[in-house]
């Protein structure tokens, strides 16, 4: 992790969305790389099966005053057309981000939290 990159590293993410009219809750492990105010985010696992609506994705939001972040996301799985925008609010202590993403397929509410680490 680069110095002054408090958002970089592994995280757990949780999502609430819908698929075929039913509510879906899932969690995924994500990796965040930070270069200044620019974030590169990638899901490293689907969280749920592809039949249940799981897919790999990536995002490139930008931090503003270390309070909010917005940018784009897109599916990394070829058969999935999901893409759009995401808006996240950074917790004042930086340990989580909450927000929404909306796009081509369906809206979602999101929460990202730092992965707990053991020494």
C-alpha atoms as a PDB file:
ATOM      1  CA  UNK A   1       0.000   0.000   0.000  1.00  0.00           C
ATOM      2  CA  UNK A   2       1.344   3.439  -0.925  1.00  0.00           C
ATOM      3  CA  UNK A   3       1.751   6.058   1.818  1.00  0.00           C
ATOM      4  CA  UNK A   4      -1.332   8.269   2.235  1.00  0.00           C
ATOM      5  CA  UNK A   5      -3.682   5.724   0.635  1.00  0.00           C
ATOM      6  CA  UNK A   6      -6.092   4.931   3.463  1.00  0.00           C
ATOM      7  CA  UNK A   7      -8.688   3.320   1.208  1.00  0.00           C
ATOM      8  CA  UNK A   8      -6.336   0.850  -0.501  1.00  0.00           C
ATOM      9  CA  UNK A   9      -6.391  -2.870   0.273  1.00  0.00           C
ATOM     10  CA  UNK A  10      -8.821  -5.726   0.642  1.00  0.00           C
ATOM     11  CA  UNK A  11     -12.377  -5.100   1.760  1.00  0.00           C
ATOM     12  CA  UNK A  12     -15.672  -6.862   2.234  1.00  0.00           C
ATOM     13  CA  UNK A  13     -18.597  -5.440   0.309  1.00  0.00           C
ATOM     14  CA  UNK A  14     -22.303  -6.033   0.807  1.00  0.00           C
ATOM     15  CA  UNK A  15     -25.044  -5.372  -1.739  1.00  0.00           C
ATOM     16  CA  UNK A  16     -28.807  -5.250  -1.730  1.00  0.00           C
ATOM     17  CA  UNK A  17     -30.456  -5.326  -5.147  1.00  0.00           C
ATOM     18  CA  UNK A  18     -33.186  -7.150  -7.067  1.00  0.00           C
ATOM     19  CA  UNK A  19     -33.165  -9.924  -9.657  1.00  0.00           C
ATOM     20  CA  UNK A  20     -36.289 -11.093 -11.463  1.00  0.00           C
ATOM     21  CA  UNK A  21     -38.431  -9.065  -9.045  1.00  0.00           C
ATOM     22  CA  UNK A  22     -36.929 -10.619  -5.901  1.00  0.00           C
ATOM     23  CA  UNK A  23     -34.642  -8.931  -3.398  1.00  0.00           C
ATOM     24  CA  UNK A  24     -31.066 -10.227  -3.410  1.00  0.00           C
ATOM     25  CA  UNK A  25     -28.439  -9.742  -0.687  1.00  0.00           C
ATOM     26  CA  UNK A  26     -24.855 -10.660  -1.349  1.00  0.00           C
ATOM     27  CA  UNK A  27     -21.327  -9.953  -0.214  1.00  0.00           C
ATOM     28  CA  UNK A  28     -18.086  -9.983  -2.135  1.00  0.00           C
ATOM     29  CA  UNK A  29     -14.414  -9.554  -1.439  1.00  0.00           C
ATOM     30  CA  UNK A  30     -13.074  -6.544  -3.307  1.00  0.00           C
ATOM     31  CA  UNK A  31      -9.618  -5.060  -3.807  1.00  0.00           C
ATOM     32  CA  UNK A  32      -9.090  -1.284  -3.851  1.00  0.00           C
ATOM     33  CA  UNK A  33      -6.008   0.394  -5.274  1.00  0.00           C
ATOM     34  CA  UNK A  34      -5.579   4.089  -4.630  1.00  0.00           C
ATOM     35  CA  UNK A  35      -3.511   6.667  -6.507  1.00  0.00           C
ATOM     36  CA  UNK A  36      -4.147  10.019  -4.877  1.00  0.00           C
ATOM     37  CA  UNK A  37      -7.877  10.685  -5.229  1.00  0.00           C
ATOM     38  CA  UNK A  38      -8.371   7.975  -7.889  1.00  0.00           C
ATOM     39  CA  UNK A  39      -9.605   4.528  -6.842  1.00  0.00           C
ATOM     40  CA  UNK A  40      -9.464   1.316  -8.870  1.00  0.00           C
ATOM     41  CA  UNK A  41     -11.863  -1.236  -7.402  1.00  0.00           C
ATOM     42  CA  UNK A  42     -12.256  -4.853  -8.505  1.00  0.00           C
ATOM     43  CA  UNK A  43     -14.413  -7.689  -7.199  1.00  0.00           C
ATOM     44  CA  UNK A  44     -12.182 -10.722  -6.665  1.00  0.00           C
ATOM     45  CA  UNK A  45     -15.057 -13.192  -6.200  1.00  0.00           C
ATOM     46  CA  UNK A  46     -18.686 -13.322  -7.334  1.00  0.00           C
ATOM     47  CA  UNK A  47     -20.178 -13.791  -3.863  1.00  0.00           C
ATOM     48  CA  UNK A  48     -23.165 -15.723  -5.269  1.00  0.00           C
ATOM     49  CA  UNK A  49     -23.495 -17.998  -8.293  1.00  0.00           C
ATOM     50  CA  UNK A  50     -24.014 -16.589 -11.772  1.00  0.00           C
ATOM     51  CA  UNK A  51     -27.495 -18.188 -11.795  1.00  0.00           C
ATOM     52  CA  UNK A  52     -28.354 -16.133  -8.686  1.00  0.00           C
ATOM     53  CA  UNK A  53     -27.032 -12.947 -10.345  1.00  0.00           C
ATOM     54  CA  UNK A  54     -23.411 -12.912  -9.197  1.00  0.00           C
ATOM     55  CA  UNK A  55     -20.730 -11.452 -11.445  1.00  0.00           C
ATOM     56  CA  UNK A  56     -17.293  -9.908 -11.323  1.00  0.00           C
ATOM     57  CA  UNK A  57     -17.075  -6.148 -11.809  1.00  0.00           C
ATOM     58  CA  UNK A  58     -14.674  -3.229 -11.626  1.00  0.00           C
ATOM     59  CA  UNK A  59     -15.084   0.462 -10.849  1.00  0.00           C
ATOM     60  CA  UNK A  60     -13.121   3.688 -11.087  1.00  0.00           C
ATOM     61  CA  UNK A  61     -14.496   6.350  -8.759  1.00  0.00           C
ATOM     62  CA  UNK A  62     -12.724   9.506  -7.615  1.00  0.00           C
ATOM     63  CA  UNK A  63     -12.609  10.774  -4.024  1.00  0.00           C
ATOM     64  CA  UNK A  64     -13.709  14.336  -3.341  1.00  0.00           C
ATOM     65  CA  UNK A  65     -12.450  15.922  -0.079  1.00  0.00           C
ATOM     66  CA  UNK A  66     -12.210  12.379   1.325  1.00  0.00           C
ATOM     67  CA  UNK A  67     -15.969  12.616   1.980  1.00  0.00           C
ATOM     68  CA  UNK A  68     -17.624  11.292  -1.175  1.00  0.00           C
ATOM     69  CA  UNK A  69     -16.656   9.226  -4.153  1.00  0.00           C
ATOM     70  CA  UNK A  70     -18.373   8.815  -7.492  1.00  0.00           C
ATOM     71  CA  UNK A  71     -17.506   7.247 -10.804  1.00  0.00           C
ATOM     72  CA  UNK A  72     -18.362   4.363 -13.114  1.00  0.00           C
ATOM     73  CA  UNK A  73     -18.619   0.593 -12.753  1.00  0.00           C
ATOM     74  CA  UNK A  74     -18.843  -2.201 -15.328  1.00  0.00           C
ATOM     75  CA  UNK A  75     -19.164  -5.986 -15.262  1.00  0.00           C
ATOM     76  CA  UNK A  76     -15.965  -7.915 -15.945  1.00  0.00           C
ATOM     77  CA  UNK A  77     -17.892 -11.036 -16.994  1.00  0.00           C
ATOM     78  CA  UNK A  78     -18.503 -10.995 -20.756  1.00  0.00           C
ATOM     79  CA  UNK A  79     -22.072 -12.332 -20.553  1.00  0.00           C
ATOM     80  CA  UNK A  80     -23.163  -9.595 -18.097  1.00  0.00           C
ATOM     81  CA  UNK A  81     -24.166  -6.171 -19.453  1.00  0.00           C
ATOM     82  CA  UNK A  82     -24.309  -4.333 -16.111  1.00  0.00           C
ATOM     83  CA  UNK A  83     -22.637  -0.905 -16.124  1.00  0.00           C
ATOM     84  CA  UNK A  84     -23.402   2.504 -14.728  1.00  0.00           C
ATOM     85  CA  UNK A  85     -22.481   4.983 -12.019  1.00  0.00           C
ATOM     86  CA  UNK A  86     -21.815   4.675  -8.316  1.00  0.00           C
ATOM     87  CA  UNK A  87     -21.954   7.237  -5.520  1.00  0.00           C
ATOM     88  CA  UNK A  88     -20.425   6.501  -2.116  1.00  0.00           C
ATOM     89  CA  UNK A  89     -20.210   8.495   1.102  1.00  0.00           C
ATOM     90  CA  UNK A  90     -17.018   7.920   3.089  1.00  0.00           C
ATOM     91  CA  UNK A  91     -17.428   7.475   6.857  1.00  0.00           C
ATOM     92  CA  UNK A  92     -15.648  10.297   8.764  1.00  0.00           C
ATOM     93  CA  UNK A  93     -13.137   7.770  10.170  1.00  0.00           C
ATOM     94  CA  UNK A  94     -12.681   6.115   6.766  1.00  0.00           C
ATOM     95  CA  UNK A  95     -13.556   2.594   7.887  1.00  0.00           C
ATOM     96  CA  UNK A  96     -16.519   2.205   5.524  1.00  0.00           C
ATOM     97  CA  UNK A  97     -18.260   3.670   2.496  1.00  0.00           C
ATOM     98  CA  UNK A  98     -22.017   3.544   1.883  1.00  0.00           C
ATOM     99  CA  UNK A  99     -23.926   4.494  -1.188  1.00  0.00           C
ATOM    100  CA  UNK A 100     -25.769   3.499  -4.321  1.00  0.00           C
ATOM    101  CA  UNK A 101     -25.022   2.353  -7.766  1.00  0.00           C
ATOM    102  CA  UNK A 102     -27.429   2.581 -10.642  1.00  0.00           C
ATOM    103  CA  UNK A 103     -27.076   1.499 -14.202  1.00  0.00           C
ATOM    104  CA  UNK A 104     -28.195  -0.538 -17.146  1.00  0.00           C
ATOM    105  CA  UNK A 105     -29.654  -3.532 -15.305  1.00  0.00           C
ATOM    106  CA  UNK A 106     -30.762  -2.571 -11.791  1.00  0.00           C
ATOM    107  CA  UNK A 107     -30.117  -0.171  -8.906  1.00  0.00           C
ATOM    108  CA  UNK A 108     -28.393  -1.321  -5.725  1.00  0.00           C
ATOM    109  CA  UNK A 109     -27.510  -0.121  -2.258  1.00  0.00           C
ATOM    110  CA  UNK A 110     -23.949  -0.769  -1.213  1.00  0.00           C
ATOM    111  CA  UNK A 111     -21.773  -0.871   1.868  1.00  0.00           C
ATOM    112  CA  UNK A 112     -18.028  -1.431   1.813  1.00  0.00           C
ATOM    113  CA  UNK A 113     -15.997  -2.030   4.917  1.00  0.00           C
ATOM    114  CA  UNK A 114     -12.354  -2.665   5.632  1.00  0.00           C
ATOM    115  CA  UNK A 115     -11.417  -6.277   5.908  1.00  0.00           C
ATOM    116  CA  UNK A 116     -10.625  -7.245   9.480  1.00  0.00           C
ATOM    117  CA  UNK A 117      -6.992  -8.195   9.783  1.00  0.00           C
ATOM    118  CA  UNK A 118      -5.323 -10.331  12.392  1.00  0.00           C
ATOM    119  CA  UNK A 119      -1.681 -10.009  13.390  1.00  0.00           C
END
